[in-house]
Amino acid sequence: MDCGVPSRQSAALHIRISEPEALPELMAALNERVHYVVQQIAPDAVVVSVLGSFADGGERELSLFLAEWESRCAGVDVELKTDDRKTAAVRPILLRTVNGEK
């Protein structure tokens, strides 16, 4: 707990697809959504950070998005995995006034 607000941990969400040539299309679709930060980590895989307040770190919303995307891309299988290691902590930012007071 920090300043009365518990720190929140979120896991990295890894996406792997069966057809690497479809990865640029998937990345473009993910990047159209403002709450996804996408980084390619392999020819057939990306890691996604979800911005926002989601109880599950955004995994359910991302799963629904991927299921819809996969249904439009015949022959491409999508696998979503959550990294068990905690990768980010969200903590409150302490703001100070001009005089340095809280």
PDB file of N, CA and C in Angstrom:
ATOM      1  N   MET A   1       0.851  -1.163   0.000  1.00  0.00           N
ATOM      2  CA  MET A   1       0.000   0.000   0.000  1.00  0.00           C
ATOM      3  C   MET A   1       0.898   1.227   0.000  1.00  0.00           C
ATOM      4  N   ASP A   2       0.531   2.236  -0.766  1.00  0.00           N
ATOM      5  CA  ASP A   2       1.315   3.445  -0.895  1.00  0.00           C
ATOM      6  C   ASP A   2       0.363   4.630  -0.811  1.00  0.00           C
ATOM      7  N   CYS A   3       0.506   5.475   0.185  1.00  0.00           N
ATOM      8  CA  CYS A   3      -0.381   6.637   0.383  1.00  0.00           C
ATOM      9  C   CYS A   3      -1.834   6.219   0.521  1.00  0.00           C
ATOM     10  N   GLY A   4      -2.087   5.073   1.111  1.00  0.00           N
ATOM     11  CA  GLY A   4      -3.452   4.630   1.301  1.00  0.00           C
ATOM     12  C   GLY A   4      -4.077   3.975   0.091  1.00  0.00           C
ATOM     13  N   VAL A   5      -3.341   3.870  -0.996  1.00  0.00           N
ATOM     14  CA  VAL A   5      -3.862   3.254  -2.219  1.00  0.00           C
ATOM     15  C   VAL A   5      -3.037   2.018  -2.506  1.00  0.00           C
ATOM     16  N   PRO A   6      -3.647   0.829  -2.565  1.00  0.00           N
ATOM     17  CA  PRO A   6      -2.871  -0.377  -2.833  1.00  0.00           C
ATOM     18  C   PRO A   6      -2.287  -0.341  -4.238  1.00  0.00           C
ATOM     19  N   SER A   7      -1.046  -0.823  -4.368  1.00  0.00           N
ATOM     20  CA  SER A   7      -0.458  -0.906  -5.707  1.00  0.00           C
ATOM     21  C   SER A   7      -1.129  -2.049  -6.449  1.00  0.00           C
ATOM     22  N   ARG A   8      -1.278  -1.878  -7.763  1.00  0.00           N
ATOM     23  CA  ARG A   8      -1.942  -2.893  -8.569  1.00  0.00           C
ATOM     24  C   ARG A   8      -0.911  -3.498  -9.503  1.00  0.00           C
ATOM     25  N   GLN A   9      -0.910  -4.777  -9.600  1.00  0.00           N
ATOM     26  CA  GLN A   9      -0.001  -5.484 -10.488  1.00  0.00           C
ATOM     27  C   GLN A   9      -0.767  -5.930 -11.724  1.00  0.00           C
ATOM     28  N   SER A  10      -0.143  -5.890 -12.876  1.00  0.00           N
ATOM     29  CA  SER A  10      -0.773  -6.405 -14.082  1.00  0.00           C
ATOM     30  C   SER A  10       0.228  -7.287 -14.816  1.00  0.00           C
ATOM     31  N   ALA A  11      -0.261  -8.323 -15.408  1.00  0.00           N
ATOM     32  CA  ALA A  11       0.596  -9.273 -16.099  1.00  0.00           C
ATOM     33  C   ALA A  11       0.697  -8.906 -17.572  1.00  0.00           C
ATOM     34  N   ALA A  12       1.800  -9.280 -18.190  1.00  0.00           N
ATOM     35  CA  ALA A  12       1.958  -9.066 -19.624  1.00  0.00           C
ATOM     36  C   ALA A  12       1.065 -10.040 -20.371  1.00  0.00           C
ATOM     37  N   LEU A  13       0.457  -9.562 -21.428  1.00  0.00           N
ATOM     38  CA  LEU A  13      -0.408 -10.389 -22.264  1.00  0.00           C
ATOM     39  C   LEU A  13       0.329 -10.663 -23.574  1.00  0.00           C
ATOM     40  N   HIS A  14       0.610 -11.930 -23.813  1.00  0.00           N
ATOM     41  CA  HIS A  14       1.357 -12.346 -25.002  1.00  0.00           C
ATOM     42  C   HIS A  14       0.400 -12.953 -26.021  1.00  0.00           C
ATOM     43  N   ILE A  15       0.544 -12.529 -27.266  1.00  0.00           N
ATOM     44  CA  ILE A  15      -0.262 -13.070 -28.356  1.00  0.00           C
ATOM     45  C   ILE A  15       0.673 -13.719 -29.358  1.00  0.00           C
ATOM     46  N   ARG A  16       0.367 -14.956 -29.708  1.00  0.00           N
ATOM     47  CA  ARG A  16       1.117 -15.687 -30.743  1.00  0.00           C
ATOM     48  C   ARG A  16       0.116 -16.108 -31.810  1.00  0.00           C
ATOM     49  N   ILE A  17       0.498 -15.959 -33.094  1.00  0.00           N
ATOM     50  CA  ILE A  17      -0.395 -16.344 -34.173  1.00  0.00           C
ATOM     51  C   ILE A  17       0.259 -17.422 -35.027  1.00  0.00           C
ATOM     52  N   SER A  18      -0.577 -18.216 -35.675  1.00  0.00           N
ATOM     53  CA  SER A  18      -0.088 -19.354 -36.453  1.00  0.00           C
ATOM     54  C   SER A  18       0.511 -18.943 -37.800  1.00  0.00           C
ATOM     55  N   GLU A  19       0.147 -17.785 -38.288  1.00  0.00           N
ATOM     56  CA  GLU A  19       0.621 -17.309 -39.591  1.00  0.00           C
ATOM     57  C   GLU A  19       1.352 -15.978 -39.408  1.00  0.00           C
ATOM     58  N   PRO A  20       2.698 -15.994 -39.317  1.00  0.00           N
ATOM     59  CA  PRO A  20       3.459 -14.766 -39.063  1.00  0.00           C
ATOM     60  C   PRO A  20       3.193 -13.639 -40.061  1.00  0.00           C
ATOM     61  N   GLU A  21       2.833 -13.991 -41.294  1.00  0.00           N
ATOM     62  CA  GLU A  21       2.571 -12.936 -42.281  1.00  0.00           C
ATOM     63  C   GLU A  21       1.328 -12.113 -41.944  1.00  0.00           C
ATOM     64  N   ALA A  22       0.481 -12.605 -41.042  1.00  0.00           N
ATOM     65  CA  ALA A  22      -0.709 -11.862 -40.622  1.00  0.00           C
ATOM     66  C   ALA A  22      -0.429 -10.950 -39.423  1.00  0.00           C
ATOM     67  N   LEU A  23       0.771 -11.024 -38.859  1.00  0.00           N
ATOM     68  CA  LEU A  23       1.079 -10.231 -37.670  1.00  0.00           C
ATOM     69  C   LEU A  23       0.970  -8.719 -37.905  1.00  0.00           C
ATOM     70  N   PRO A  24       1.472  -8.186 -39.031  1.00  0.00           N
ATOM     71  CA  PRO A  24       1.304  -6.740 -39.235  1.00  0.00           C
ATOM     72  C   PRO A  24      -0.165  -6.301 -39.243  1.00  0.00           C
ATOM     73  N   GLU A  25      -1.038  -7.120 -39.802  1.00  0.00           N
ATOM     74  CA  GLU A  25      -2.470  -6.796 -39.807  1.00  0.00           C
ATOM     75  C   GLU A  25      -3.033  -6.803 -38.389  1.00  0.00           C
ATOM     76  N   LEU A  26      -2.639  -7.793 -37.585  1.00  0.00           N
ATOM     77  CA  LEU A  26      -3.094  -7.851 -36.203  1.00  0.00           C
ATOM     78  C   LEU A  26      -2.574  -6.653 -35.414  1.00  0.00           C
ATOM     79  N   MET A  27      -1.303  -6.323 -35.599  1.00  0.00           N
ATOM     80  CA  MET A  27      -0.729  -5.183 -34.891  1.00  0.00           C
ATOM     81  C   MET A  27      -1.435  -3.887 -35.268  1.00  0.00           C
ATOM     82  N   ALA A  28      -1.766  -3.731 -36.544  1.00  0.00           N
ATOM     83  CA  ALA A  28      -2.486  -2.531 -36.988  1.00  0.00           C
ATOM     84  C   ALA A  28      -3.858  -2.457 -36.331  1.00  0.00           C
ATOM     85  N   ALA A  29      -4.543  -3.590 -36.257  1.00  0.00           N
ATOM     86  CA  ALA A  29      -5.867  -3.615 -35.631  1.00  0.00           C
ATOM     87  C   ALA A  29      -5.770  -3.285 -34.141  1.00  0.00           C
ATOM     88  N   LEU A  30      -4.769  -3.826 -33.466  1.00  0.00           N
ATOM     89  CA  LEU A  30      -4.579  -3.534 -32.046  1.00  0.00           C
ATOM     90  C   LEU A  30      -4.222  -2.069 -31.832  1.00  0.00           C
ATOM     91  N   ASN A  31      -3.366  -1.526 -32.695  1.00  0.00           N
ATOM     92  CA  ASN A  31      -2.932  -0.136 -32.550  1.00  0.00           C
ATOM     93  C   ASN A  31      -4.047   0.863 -32.822  1.00  0.00           C
ATOM     94  N   GLU A  32      -5.117   0.444 -33.487  1.00  0.00           N
ATOM     95  CA  GLU A  32      -6.264   1.330 -33.700  1.00  0.00           C
ATOM     96  C   GLU A  32      -7.012   1.587 -32.401  1.00  0.00           C
ATOM     97  N   ARG A  33      -6.825   0.731 -31.423  1.00  0.00           N
ATOM     98  CA  ARG A  33      -7.489   0.875 -30.124  1.00  0.00           C
ATOM     99  C   ARG A  33      -6.541   1.639 -29.198  1.00  0.00           C
ATOM    100  N   VAL A  34      -6.987   2.754 -28.670  1.00  0.00           N
ATOM    101  CA  VAL A  34      -6.092   3.624 -27.917  1.00  0.00           C
ATOM    102  C   VAL A  34      -5.610   3.030 -26.596  1.00  0.00           C
ATOM    103  N   HIS A  35      -6.274   2.015 -26.076  1.00  0.00           N
ATOM    104  CA  HIS A  35      -5.854   1.484 -24.780  1.00  0.00           C
ATOM    105  C   HIS A  35      -4.937   0.267 -24.882  1.00  0.00           C
ATOM    106  N   TYR A  36      -4.435  -0.031 -26.074  1.00  0.00           N
ATOM    107  CA  TYR A  36      -3.457  -1.105 -26.234  1.00  0.00           C
ATOM    108  C   TYR A  36      -2.104  -0.526 -26.617  1.00  0.00           C
ATOM    109  N   VAL A  37      -1.066  -0.992 -25.943  1.00  0.00           N
ATOM    110  CA  VAL A  37       0.308  -0.681 -26.314  1.00  0.00           C
ATOM    111  C   VAL A  37       0.906  -2.005 -26.768  1.00  0.00           C
ATOM    112  N   VAL A  38       1.337  -2.060 -28.033  1.00  0.00           N
ATOM    113  CA  VAL A  38       1.739  -3.319 -28.666  1.00  0.00           C
ATOM    114  C   VAL A  38       3.219  -3.273 -29.021  1.00  0.00           C
ATOM    115  N   GLN A  39       3.916  -4.367 -28.713  1.00  0.00           N
ATOM    116  CA  GLN A  39       5.335  -4.482 -29.073  1.00  0.00           C
ATOM    117  C   GLN A  39       5.574  -5.866 -29.657  1.00  0.00           C
ATOM    118  N   GLN A  40       6.160  -5.901 -30.845  1.00  0.00           N
ATOM    119  CA  GLN A  40       6.491  -7.181 -31.458  1.00  0.00           C
ATOM    120  C   GLN A  40       7.707  -7.768 -30.755  1.00  0.00           C
ATOM    121  N   ILE A  41       7.615  -9.055 -30.394  1.00  0.00           N
ATOM    122  CA  ILE A  41       8.709  -9.709 -29.672  1.00  0.00           C
ATOM    123  C   ILE A  41       9.278 -10.904 -30.443  1.00  0.00           C
ATOM    124  N   ALA A  42       8.601 -11.307 -31.512  1.00  0.00           N
ATOM    125  CA  ALA A  42       9.044 -12.422 -32.351  1.00  0.00           C
ATOM    126  C   ALA A  42       8.331 -12.287 -33.694  1.00  0.00           C
ATOM    127  N   PRO A  43       8.763 -13.019 -34.714  1.00  0.00           N
ATOM    128  CA  PRO A  43       8.084 -12.934 -36.010  1.00  0.00           C
ATOM    129  C   PRO A  43       6.606 -13.295 -35.952  1.00  0.00           C
ATOM    130  N   ASP A  44       6.208 -14.064 -34.944  1.00  0.00           N
ATOM    131  CA  ASP A  44       4.810 -14.489 -34.830  1.00  0.00           C
ATOM    132  C   ASP A  44       4.172 -14.101 -33.504  1.00  0.00           C
ATOM    133  N   ALA A  45       4.773 -13.138 -32.778  1.00  0.00           N
ATOM    134  CA  ALA A  45       4.271 -12.830 -31.438  1.00  0.00           C
ATOM    135  C   ALA A  45       4.438 -11.366 -31.073  1.00  0.00           C
ATOM    136  N   VAL A  46       3.486 -10.899 -30.240  1.00  0.00           N
ATOM    137  CA  VAL A  46       3.540  -9.554 -29.675  1.00  0.00           C
ATOM    138  C   VAL A  46       3.227  -9.637 -28.191  1.00  0.00           C
ATOM    139  N   VAL A  47       3.613  -8.614 -27.467  1.00  0.00           N
ATOM    140  CA  VAL A  47       3.199  -8.454 -26.084  1.00  0.00           C
ATOM    141  C   VAL A  47       2.336  -7.195 -26.052  1.00  0.00           C
ATOM    142  N   VAL A  48       1.240  -7.268 -25.301  1.00  0.00           N
ATOM    143  CA  VAL A  48       0.287  -6.168 -25.239  1.00  0.00           C
ATOM    144  C   VAL A  48       0.134  -5.711 -23.794  1.00  0.00           C
ATOM    145  N   SER A  49       0.221  -4.414 -23.598  1.00  0.00           N
ATOM    146  CA  SER A  49      -0.128  -3.797 -22.324  1.00  0.00           C
ATOM    147  C   SER A  49      -1.456  -3.106 -22.536  1.00  0.00           C
ATOM    148  N   VAL A  50      -2.344  -3.253 -21.581  1.00  0.00           N
ATOM    149  CA  VAL A  50      -3.670  -2.657 -21.684  1.00  0.00           C
ATOM    150  C   VAL A  50      -3.746  -1.492 -20.706  1.00  0.00           C
ATOM    151  N   LEU A  51      -4.028  -0.307 -21.236  1.00  0.00           N
ATOM    152  CA  LEU A  51      -4.166   0.881 -20.411  1.00  0.00           C
ATOM    153  C   LEU A  51      -5.605   1.001 -19.940  1.00  0.00           C
ATOM    154  N   GLY A  52      -5.793   1.346 -18.698  1.00  0.00           N
ATOM    155  CA  GLY A  52      -7.141   1.534 -18.181  1.00  0.00           C
ATOM    156  C   GLY A  52      -7.371   0.749 -16.909  1.00  0.00           C
ATOM    157  N   SER A  53      -8.575   0.871 -16.402  1.00  0.00           N
ATOM    158  CA  SER A  53      -8.957   0.217 -15.155  1.00  0.00           C
ATOM    159  C   SER A  53      -9.781  -1.025 -15.458  1.00  0.00           C
ATOM    160  N   PHE A  54      -9.117  -2.146 -15.569  1.00  0.00           N
ATOM    161  CA  PHE A  54      -9.776  -3.424 -15.819  1.00  0.00           C
ATOM    162  C   PHE A  54      -9.445  -4.340 -14.649  1.00  0.00           C
ATOM    163  N   ALA A  55     -10.450  -4.961 -14.067  1.00  0.00           N
ATOM    164  CA  ALA A  55     -10.235  -5.830 -12.909  1.00  0.00           C
ATOM    165  C   ALA A  55      -9.273  -6.966 -13.229  1.00  0.00           C
ATOM    166  N   ASP A  56      -9.286  -7.440 -14.485  1.00  0.00           N
ATOM    167  CA  ASP A  56      -8.428  -8.561 -14.873  1.00  0.00           C
ATOM    168  C   ASP A  56      -7.229  -8.109 -15.690  1.00  0.00           C
ATOM    169  N   GLY A  57      -6.897  -6.820 -15.656  1.00  0.00           N
ATOM    170  CA  GLY A  57      -5.774  -6.311 -16.423  1.00  0.00           C
ATOM    171  C   GLY A  57      -6.077  -6.171 -17.902  1.00  0.00           C
ATOM    172  N   GLY A  58      -7.335  -6.304 -18.291  1.00  0.00           N
ATOM    173  CA  GLY A  58      -7.736  -6.167 -19.690  1.00  0.00           C
ATOM    174  C   GLY A  58      -7.756  -7.461 -20.471  1.00  0.00           C
ATOM    175  N   GLU A  59      -7.478  -8.581 -19.787  1.00  0.00           N
ATOM    176  CA  GLU A  59      -7.388  -9.869 -20.487  1.00  0.00           C
ATOM    177  C   GLU A  59      -8.719 -10.269 -21.138  1.00  0.00           C
ATOM    178  N   ARG A  60      -9.830 -10.086 -20.456  1.00  0.00           N
ATOM    179  CA  ARG A  60     -11.133 -10.484 -21.019  1.00  0.00           C
ATOM    180  C   ARG A  60     -11.466  -9.645 -22.253  1.00  0.00           C
ATOM    181  N   GLU A  61     -11.275  -8.345 -22.163  1.00  0.00           N
ATOM    182  CA  GLU A  61     -11.576  -7.457 -23.287  1.00  0.00           C
ATOM    183  C   GLU A  61     -10.689  -7.798 -24.480  1.00  0.00           C
ATOM    184  N   LEU A  62      -9.411  -8.064 -24.214  1.00  0.00           N
ATOM    185  CA  LEU A  62      -8.486  -8.429 -25.285  1.00  0.00           C
ATOM    186  C   LEU A  62      -8.876  -9.783 -25.883  1.00  0.00           C
ATOM    187  N   SER A  63      -9.293 -10.726 -25.064  1.00  0.00           N
ATOM    188  CA  SER A  63      -9.724 -12.038 -25.563  1.00  0.00           C
ATOM    189  C   SER A  63     -10.909 -11.897 -26.511  1.00  0.00           C
ATOM    190  N   LEU A  64     -11.869 -11.064 -26.147  1.00  0.00           N
ATOM    191  CA  LEU A  64     -13.026 -10.840 -27.011  1.00  0.00           C
ATOM    192  C   LEU A  64     -12.612 -10.187 -28.329  1.00  0.00           C
ATOM    193  N   PHE A  65     -11.729  -9.211 -28.249  1.00  0.00           N
ATOM    194  CA  PHE A  65     -11.221  -8.548 -29.450  1.00  0.00           C
ATOM    195  C   PHE A  65     -10.528  -9.556 -30.363  1.00  0.00           C
ATOM    196  N   LEU A  66      -9.673 -10.407 -29.784  1.00  0.00           N
ATOM    197  CA  LEU A  66      -8.931 -11.389 -30.580  1.00  0.00           C
ATOM    198  C   LEU A  66      -9.852 -12.434 -31.201  1.00  0.00           C
ATOM    199  N   ALA A  67     -10.879 -12.855 -30.482  1.00  0.00           N
ATOM    200  CA  ALA A  67     -11.830 -13.825 -31.031  1.00  0.00           C
ATOM    201  C   ALA A  67     -12.535 -13.238 -32.251  1.00  0.00           C
ATOM    202  N   GLU A  68     -12.909 -11.975 -32.165  1.00  0.00           N
ATOM    203  CA  GLU A  68     -13.573 -11.307 -33.287  1.00  0.00           C
ATOM    204  C   GLU A  68     -12.604 -11.153 -34.462  1.00  0.00           C
ATOM    205  N   TRP A  69     -11.361 -10.755 -34.178  1.00  0.00           N
ATOM    206  CA  TRP A  69     -10.355 -10.595 -35.232  1.00  0.00           C
ATOM    207  C   TRP A  69     -10.061 -11.941 -35.897  1.00  0.00           C
ATOM    208  N   GLU A  70      -9.898 -12.977 -35.098  1.00  0.00           N
ATOM    209  CA  GLU A  70      -9.598 -14.326 -35.601  1.00  0.00           C
ATOM    210  C   GLU A  70     -10.718 -14.835 -36.500  1.00  0.00           C
ATOM    211  N   SER A  71     -11.972 -14.514 -36.162  1.00  0.00           N
ATOM    212  CA  SER A  71     -13.106 -14.975 -36.969  1.00  0.00           C
ATOM    213  C   SER A  71     -13.101 -14.355 -38.374  1.00  0.00           C
ATOM    214  N   ARG A  72     -12.461 -13.193 -38.509  1.00  0.00           N
ATOM    215  CA  ARG A  72     -12.378 -12.530 -39.821  1.00  0.00           C
ATOM    216  C   ARG A  72     -11.155 -12.962 -40.625  1.00  0.00           C
ATOM    217  N   CYS A  73     -10.234 -13.678 -39.992  1.00  0.00           N
ATOM    218  CA  CYS A  73      -8.983 -14.073 -40.655  1.00  0.00           C
ATOM    219  C   CYS A  73      -8.935 -15.591 -40.782  1.00  0.00           C
ATOM    220  N   ALA A  74      -9.514 -16.088 -41.845  1.00  0.00           N
ATOM    221  CA  ALA A  74      -9.568 -17.540 -42.062  1.00  0.00           C
ATOM    222  C   ALA A  74      -8.168 -18.141 -42.072  1.00  0.00           C
ATOM    223  N   GLY A  75      -8.015 -19.229 -41.348  1.00  0.00           N
ATOM    224  CA  GLY A  75      -6.751 -19.959 -41.346  1.00  0.00           C
ATOM    225  C   GLY A  75      -5.714 -19.440 -40.369  1.00  0.00           C
ATOM    226  N   VAL A  76      -6.021 -18.392 -39.628  1.00  0.00           N
ATOM    227  CA  VAL A  76      -5.076 -17.852 -38.651  1.00  0.00           C
ATOM    228  C   VAL A  76      -5.586 -18.185 -37.257  1.00  0.00           C
ATOM    229  N   ASP A  77      -4.768 -18.893 -36.496  1.00  0.00           N
ATOM    230  CA  ASP A  77      -5.099 -19.212 -35.113  1.00  0.00           C
ATOM    231  C   ASP A  77      -4.366 -18.248 -34.192  1.00  0.00           C
ATOM    232  N   VAL A  78      -5.057 -17.796 -33.168  1.00  0.00           N
ATOM    233  CA  VAL A  78      -4.508 -16.828 -32.221  1.00  0.00           C
ATOM    234  C   VAL A  78      -4.487 -17.460 -30.836  1.00  0.00           C
ATOM    235  N   GLU A  79      -3.366 -17.305 -30.154  1.00  0.00           N
ATOM    236  CA  GLU A  79      -3.222 -17.821 -28.793  1.00  0.00           C
ATOM    237  C   GLU A  79      -2.858 -16.663 -27.874  1.00  0.00           C
ATOM    238  N   LEU A  80      -3.597 -16.506 -26.785  1.00  0.00           N
ATOM    239  CA  LEU A  80      -3.334 -15.463 -25.800  1.00  0.00           C
ATOM    240  C   LEU A  80      -2.850 -16.119 -24.520  1.00  0.00           C
ATOM    241  N   LYS A  81      -1.713 -15.661 -24.023  1.00  0.00           N
ATOM    242  CA  LYS A  81      -1.165 -16.181 -22.769  1.00  0.00           C
ATOM    243  C   LYS A  81      -0.865 -15.016 -21.845  1.00  0.00           C
ATOM    244  N   THR A  82      -1.087 -15.247 -20.569  1.00  0.00           N
ATOM    245  CA  THR A  82      -0.756 -14.258 -19.555  1.00  0.00           C
ATOM    246  C   THR A  82       0.552 -14.663 -18.912  1.00  0.00           C
ATOM    247  N   ASP A  83       1.492 -13.735 -18.883  1.00  0.00           N
ATOM    248  CA  ASP A  83       2.763 -13.976 -18.222  1.00  0.00           C
ATOM    249  C   ASP A  83       2.504 -13.979 -16.724  1.00  0.00           C
ATOM    250  N   ASP A  84       2.869 -15.055 -16.047  1.00  0.00           N
ATOM    251  CA  ASP A  84       2.624 -15.157 -14.610  1.00  0.00           C
ATOM    252  C   ASP A  84       3.455 -14.172 -13.801  1.00  0.00           C
ATOM    253  N   ARG A  85       4.573 -13.747 -14.362  1.00  0.00           N
ATOM    254  CA  ARG A  85       5.386 -12.771 -13.644  1.00  0.00           C
ATOM    255  C   ARG A  85       4.692 -11.425 -13.687  1.00  0.00           C
ATOM    256  N   LYS A  86       4.680 -10.719 -12.593  1.00  0.00           N
ATOM    257  CA  LYS A  86       4.072  -9.398 -12.545  1.00  0.00           C
ATOM    258  C   LYS A  86       5.050  -8.418 -13.185  1.00  0.00           C
ATOM    259  N   THR A  87       4.560  -7.654 -14.160  1.00  0.00           N
ATOM    260  CA  THR A  87       5.465  -6.832 -14.944  1.00  0.00           C
ATOM    261  C   THR A  87       5.314  -5.340 -14.710  1.00  0.00           C
ATOM    262  N   ALA A  88       4.233  -4.912 -14.119  1.00  0.00           N
ATOM    263  CA  ALA A  88       4.048  -3.481 -13.938  1.00  0.00           C
ATOM    264  C   ALA A  88       3.289  -3.215 -12.653  1.00  0.00           C
ATOM    265  N   ALA A  89       3.647  -2.154 -12.018  1.00  0.00           N
ATOM    266  CA  ALA A  89       2.912  -1.735 -10.830  1.00  0.00           C
ATOM    267  C   ALA A  89       2.380  -0.337 -11.081  1.00  0.00           C
ATOM    268  N   VAL A  90       1.136  -0.124 -10.784  1.00  0.00           N
ATOM    269  CA  VAL A  90       0.531   1.191 -10.925  1.00  0.00           C
ATOM    270  C   VAL A  90       0.487   1.800  -9.539  1.00  0.00           C
ATOM    271  N   ARG A  91       1.133   2.931  -9.390  1.00  0.00           N
ATOM    272  CA  ARG A  91       1.190   3.588  -8.091  1.00  0.00           C
ATOM    273  C   ARG A  91       0.718   5.026  -8.254  1.00  0.00           C
ATOM    274  N   PRO A  92       0.176   5.601  -7.180  1.00  0.00           N
ATOM    275  CA  PRO A  92      -0.264   6.999  -7.272  1.00  0.00           C
ATOM    276  C   PRO A  92       0.930   7.929  -7.437  1.00  0.00           C
ATOM    277  N   ILE A  93       0.699   9.039  -8.082  1.00  0.00           N
ATOM    278  CA  ILE A  93       1.735  10.054  -8.274  1.00  0.00           C
ATOM    279  C   ILE A  93       1.511  11.138  -7.233  1.00  0.00           C
ATOM    280  N   LEU A  94       2.544  11.434  -6.473  1.00  0.00           N
ATOM    281  CA  LEU A  94       2.442  12.494  -5.470  1.00  0.00           C
ATOM    282  C   LEU A  94       2.596  13.826  -6.170  1.00  0.00           C
ATOM    283  N   LEU A  95       1.641  14.696  -5.988  1.00  0.00           N
ATOM    284  CA  LEU A  95       1.684  16.026  -6.580  1.00  0.00           C
ATOM    285  C   LEU A  95       2.043  17.034  -5.507  1.00  0.00           C
ATOM    286  N   ARG A  96       2.870  17.976  -5.850  1.00  0.00           N
ATOM    287  CA  ARG A  96       3.267  19.014  -4.896  1.00  0.00           C
ATOM    288  C   ARG A  96       2.847  20.368  -5.464  1.00  0.00           C
ATOM    289  N   THR A  97       2.547  21.274  -4.578  1.00  0.00           N
ATOM    290  CA  THR A  97       2.213  22.621  -5.028  1.00  0.00           C
ATOM    291  C   THR A  97       3.506  23.354  -5.367  1.00  0.00           C
ATOM    292  N   VAL A  98       3.399  24.560  -5.854  1.00  0.00           N
ATOM    293  CA  VAL A  98       4.573  25.370  -6.204  1.00  0.00           C
ATOM    294  C   VAL A  98       5.469  25.582  -5.002  1.00  0.00           C
ATOM    295  N   ASN A  99       4.882  25.694  -3.809  1.00  0.00           N
ATOM    296  CA  ASN A  99       5.649  25.930  -2.594  1.00  0.00           C
ATOM    297  C   ASN A  99       6.237  24.660  -2.008  1.00  0.00           C
ATOM    298  N   GLY A 100       6.029  23.518  -2.653  1.00  0.00           N
ATOM    299  CA  GLY A 100       6.554  22.265  -2.171  1.00  0.00           C
ATOM    300  C   GLY A 100       5.693  21.595  -1.124  1.00  0.00           C
ATOM    301  N   GLU A 101       4.488  22.116  -0.892  1.00  0.00           N
ATOM    302  CA  GLU A 101       3.581  21.530   0.079  1.00  0.00           C
ATOM    303  C   GLU A 101       2.693  20.487  -0.594  1.00  0.00           C
ATOM    304  N   LYS A 102       2.212  19.536   0.198  1.00  0.00           N
ATOM    305  CA  LYS A 102       1.314  18.510  -0.326  1.00  0.00           C
ATOM    306  C   LYS A 102      -0.107  18.993  -0.269  1.00  0.00           C
TER     307      LYS A 102
END
